[in-house]
Amino acid sequence: MYVDFAIIDTDITDKTAKDLMFQASEYGVDSITVPYHLLKSLKTIRSKKTIIRSCLIDFPMGISAYNTRVYAIQEAIKAGANSIDICMPQLLASNRKYDKIREDISAVKVACGQNCLIRYILEYRSFDHNCLKKICQIFDDHEIGFASPSTGFFIDNLADNLIASAFLHENSKEINVIATGNAWTDHHFSILNRSGVFGFRTFNIESLRRYRKFTLLNH
């Protein structure tokens, strides 16, 4: 399973963040996701496998102006990101302004070019099923290959998160869904593995350590 480690703490020190990134790389994660100011530290992390370096864009609310989002992407790429995790514009989705969402995705794709992966972040509790279905269709039309059901910034239930993840997967052709619900026990990890989702994101290094142990024991 694809595993991403994300740092979203707003009060973390640079040294602590770098230590966590190093530990995550030692645990064999596929990607590490950080806010812009930690990209410089992330770029210095070396590991045995190639790790995707992703930057959080317009996180966690998704309410920045169009030009601000594009500029943030450009600066993230300059700072070493080869992937971006960008929040869906919440107000556009809430007001069903799908044409504006298409414009946003088109602009994001131009800003990212060919060498920067695009992963959209939703907040599934803010949208009804019809809205999520439409967003999935738009993702497919624009060849957006990765999405997460929630930011992880707010309290989230693993079961609800997996239901939302399954819904996104079932209503799209190509989206690789990265679950973001809290998982830290063997039972949680077993549910994740059986769910059929592409991967999961954790925000806790202890959860990552436990998942690695679970994987080794159940390989």
Protein backbone atom coordinates (compact mmCIF):
# COMPACT_ATOMS: atom_id res chain seq x y z
CA MET A 1 0.00 0.00 0.00
CA TYR A 2 1.12 3.52 -0.83
CA VAL A 3 2.02 5.40 2.35
CA ASP A 4 2.35 9.15 2.81
CA PHE A 5 3.60 10.91 5.93
CA ALA A 6 2.36 14.47 6.37
CA ILE A 7 3.36 17.21 8.78
CA ILE A 8 0.53 19.66 9.46
CA ASP A 9 1.37 20.83 12.98
CA THR A 10 1.48 24.63 13.11
CA ASP A 11 3.76 24.84 16.16
CA ILE A 12 6.46 22.34 15.17
CA THR A 13 10.12 23.39 15.19
CA ASP A 14 12.32 22.93 12.14
CA LYS A 15 14.57 20.49 14.00
CA THR A 16 11.67 18.32 15.15
CA ALA A 17 10.18 18.35 11.67
CA LYS A 18 13.45 17.28 10.10
CA ASP A 19 13.83 14.46 12.64
CA LEU A 20 10.31 13.24 11.80
CA MET A 21 11.01 13.39 8.07
CA PHE A 22 14.18 11.36 8.54
CA GLN A 23 12.33 8.74 10.60
CA ALA A 24 9.55 8.56 8.00
CA SER A 25 12.12 7.97 5.27
CA GLU A 26 13.68 5.18 7.34
CA TYR A 27 10.24 3.57 7.63
CA GLY A 28 10.03 3.42 3.85
CA VAL A 29 7.24 5.90 3.06
CA ASP A 30 6.45 6.66 -0.57
CA SER A 31 5.97 10.38 -0.05
CA ILE A 32 6.33 13.09 2.55
CA THR A 33 4.01 16.08 2.53
CA VAL A 34 4.87 19.36 4.26
CA PRO A 35 3.99 23.06 4.24
CA TYR A 36 6.13 25.38 2.14
CA HIS A 37 8.51 26.48 4.90
CA LEU A 38 9.67 22.88 5.47
CA LEU A 39 10.49 22.09 1.84
CA LYS A 40 14.11 23.15 2.24
CA SER A 41 14.58 20.64 5.07
CA LEU A 42 12.68 17.95 3.16
CA LYS A 43 14.96 18.35 0.16
CA THR A 44 17.97 17.39 2.32
CA ILE A 45 16.46 14.05 3.40
CA ARG A 46 18.16 11.08 1.78
CA SER A 47 16.77 7.56 1.76
CA LYS A 48 17.25 4.19 0.11
CA LYS A 49 14.17 4.70 -2.06
CA THR A 50 13.00 7.71 -4.02
CA ILE A 51 10.54 9.71 -1.94
CA ILE A 52 8.03 12.12 -3.46
CA ARG A 53 8.36 15.59 -1.93
CA SER A 54 4.93 17.19 -1.76
CA CYS A 55 3.89 20.67 -0.63
CA LEU A 56 0.55 21.62 0.91
CA ILE A 57 -1.16 24.36 -1.08
CA ASP A 58 -3.97 26.56 0.27
CA PHE A 59 -4.23 24.26 3.27
CA PRO A 60 -6.52 23.50 5.04
CA MET A 61 -9.42 25.73 3.95
CA GLY A 62 -9.00 26.06 0.19
CA ILE A 63 -10.17 29.67 0.14
CA SER A 64 -7.24 31.57 -1.38
CA ALA A 65 -7.59 33.58 -4.57
CA TYR A 66 -6.87 31.91 -7.90
CA ASN A 67 -3.60 33.79 -8.53
CA THR A 68 -2.40 33.09 -4.98
CA ARG A 69 -2.80 29.35 -5.48
CA VAL A 70 -0.90 29.40 -8.77
CA TYR A 71 1.91 31.50 -7.28
CA ALA A 72 2.17 29.13 -4.29
CA ILE A 73 2.57 26.17 -6.65
CA GLN A 74 5.30 27.91 -8.62
CA GLU A 75 7.21 28.80 -5.46
CA ALA A 76 6.84 25.26 -4.08
CA ILE A 77 8.35 23.78 -7.23
CA LYS A 78 11.24 26.24 -7.06
CA ALA A 79 11.83 25.15 -3.44
CA GLY A 80 12.13 21.49 -4.40
CA ALA A 81 8.61 20.03 -4.46
CA ASN A 82 7.87 17.48 -7.15
CA SER A 83 4.28 17.07 -6.02
CA ILE A 84 1.57 19.33 -4.63
CA ASP A 85 -1.35 18.55 -2.34
CA ILE A 86 -3.85 21.28 -3.08
CA CYS A 87 -7.17 21.81 -1.32
CA MET A 88 -10.31 21.90 -3.39
CA PRO A 89 -11.71 25.48 -3.48
CA GLN A 90 -14.36 24.95 -0.84
CA LEU A 91 -16.55 27.92 -1.71
CA LEU A 92 -16.67 26.95 -5.38
CA ALA A 93 -17.71 23.40 -4.51
CA SER A 94 -20.25 24.50 -1.90
CA ASN A 95 -21.87 26.81 -4.44
CA ARG A 96 -21.70 24.20 -7.21
CA LYS A 97 -19.56 26.43 -9.43
CA TYR A 98 -18.21 23.53 -11.44
CA ASP A 99 -17.00 25.65 -14.36
CA LYS A 100 -14.83 27.61 -11.91
CA ILE A 101 -13.50 24.34 -10.49
CA ARG A 102 -12.56 23.26 -14.02
CA GLU A 103 -10.74 26.57 -14.51
CA ASP A 104 -8.89 26.07 -11.23
CA ILE A 105 -7.76 22.56 -12.17
CA SER A 106 -6.66 23.70 -15.62
CA ALA A 107 -4.58 26.49 -14.08
CA VAL A 108 -3.07 24.09 -11.54
CA LYS A 109 -2.08 21.69 -14.32
CA VAL A 110 -0.38 24.47 -16.27
CA ALA A 111 1.50 25.64 -13.16
CA CYS A 112 2.65 22.10 -12.37
CA GLY A 113 3.76 21.23 -15.89
CA GLN A 114 4.83 17.70 -16.71
CA ASN A 115 7.10 16.95 -13.76
CA CYS A 116 4.99 17.82 -10.72
CA LEU A 117 2.37 15.40 -9.42
CA ILE A 118 -1.07 16.83 -8.56
CA ARG A 119 -3.06 15.50 -5.61
CA TYR A 120 -6.32 17.20 -4.68
CA ILE A 121 -7.58 17.29 -1.10
CA LEU A 122 -11.31 17.34 -0.38
CA GLU A 123 -13.23 17.70 2.86
CA TYR A 124 -15.95 15.12 2.29
CA ARG A 125 -18.19 16.25 5.14
CA SER A 126 -18.67 19.60 3.40
CA PHE A 127 -20.16 18.11 0.22
CA ASP A 128 -23.15 15.93 -0.54
CA HIS A 129 -22.90 12.81 -2.73
CA ASN A 130 -24.05 14.56 -5.89
CA CYS A 131 -21.35 17.18 -5.50
CA LEU A 132 -18.66 14.55 -4.86
CA LYS A 133 -19.79 12.59 -7.94
CA LYS A 134 -19.51 15.70 -10.08
CA ILE A 135 -16.05 16.48 -8.72
CA CYS A 136 -14.96 12.91 -9.50
CA GLN A 137 -16.18 13.38 -13.06
CA ILE A 138 -14.23 16.63 -13.35
CA PHE A 139 -11.10 14.93 -11.98
CA ASP A 140 -11.45 12.20 -14.61
CA ASP A 141 -11.97 14.73 -17.40
CA HIS A 142 -8.78 16.54 -16.38
CA GLU A 143 -6.77 13.38 -15.69
CA ILE A 144 -6.27 14.11 -12.00
CA GLY A 145 -4.95 10.79 -10.72
CA PHE A 146 -4.79 11.30 -6.94
CA ALA A 147 -7.21 12.59 -4.32
CA SER A 148 -7.73 12.48 -0.56
CA PRO A 149 -11.17 12.59 1.07
CA SER A 150 -10.16 14.98 3.87
CA THR A 151 -7.42 17.30 5.06
CA GLY A 152 -6.78 15.47 8.34
CA PHE A 153 -6.69 18.88 9.98
CA PHE A 154 -10.00 18.26 11.73
CA ILE A 155 -11.21 15.31 13.82
CA ASP A 156 -11.96 12.43 11.48
CA ASN A 157 -13.26 8.90 11.92
CA LEU A 158 -11.48 6.07 10.08
CA ALA A 159 -14.71 4.27 9.14
CA ASP A 160 -16.32 7.45 7.77
CA ASN A 161 -13.12 8.34 5.96
CA LEU A 162 -12.93 4.92 4.31
CA ILE A 163 -16.58 5.14 3.24
CA ALA A 164 -15.80 8.47 1.60
CA SER A 165 -12.63 7.02 0.05
CA ALA A 166 -14.60 4.08 -1.38
CA PHE A 167 -17.22 6.49 -2.73
CA LEU A 168 -14.57 8.52 -4.55
CA HIS A 169 -12.99 5.38 -5.97
CA GLU A 170 -16.30 3.92 -7.14
CA ASN A 171 -17.38 7.14 -8.85
CA SER A 172 -14.22 7.74 -10.83
CA LYS A 173 -12.33 5.89 -13.52
CA GLU A 174 -8.74 6.52 -12.57
CA ILE A 175 -8.45 8.26 -9.19
CA ASN A 176 -6.01 6.74 -6.73
CA VAL A 177 -7.57 7.53 -3.37
CA ILE A 178 -5.34 8.16 -0.36
CA ALA A 179 -7.32 7.63 2.86
CA THR A 180 -6.66 10.12 5.65
CA GLY A 181 -8.63 8.76 8.61
CA ASN A 182 -6.81 8.14 11.89
CA ALA A 183 -5.28 4.66 11.94
CA TRP A 184 -2.95 3.41 14.66
CA THR A 185 -3.91 -0.18 15.63
CA ASP A 186 -3.45 -3.51 13.88
CA HIS A 187 -7.22 -3.67 13.50
CA HIS A 188 -7.23 -0.29 11.74
CA PHE A 189 -4.40 -1.35 9.45
CA SER A 190 -6.18 -4.60 8.60
CA ILE A 191 -9.30 -2.63 7.65
CA LEU A 192 -7.20 -0.31 5.50
CA ASN A 193 -5.55 -3.19 3.67
CA ARG A 194 -8.91 -4.84 2.98
CA SER A 195 -10.61 -1.63 1.90
CA GLY A 196 -9.08 -1.57 -1.57
CA VAL A 197 -7.92 2.04 -1.31
CA PHE A 198 -4.70 2.94 -3.07
CA GLY A 199 -2.94 4.24 0.01
CA PHE A 200 -3.17 6.09 3.27
CA ARG A 201 -1.75 9.21 4.86
CA THR A 202 -0.68 9.40 8.46
CA PHE A 203 0.21 12.48 10.47
CA ASN A 204 1.75 10.57 13.37
CA ILE A 205 5.19 8.95 13.35
CA GLU A 206 4.12 6.36 15.94
CA SER A 207 1.30 5.22 13.65
CA LEU A 208 3.82 4.93 10.86
CA ARG A 209 6.11 2.82 13.03
CA ARG A 210 3.24 0.53 13.99
CA TYR A 211 2.13 0.17 10.37
CA ARG A 212 5.61 -0.85 9.33
CA LYS A 213 5.71 -3.48 12.09
CA PHE A 214 2.23 -4.68 11.08
CA THR A 215 3.31 -4.97 7.45
CA LEU A 216 6.47 -6.93 8.30
CA LEU A 217 4.54 -9.35 10.50
CA ASN A 218 1.79 -9.89 7.94
CA HIS A 219 3.81 -9.90 4.74
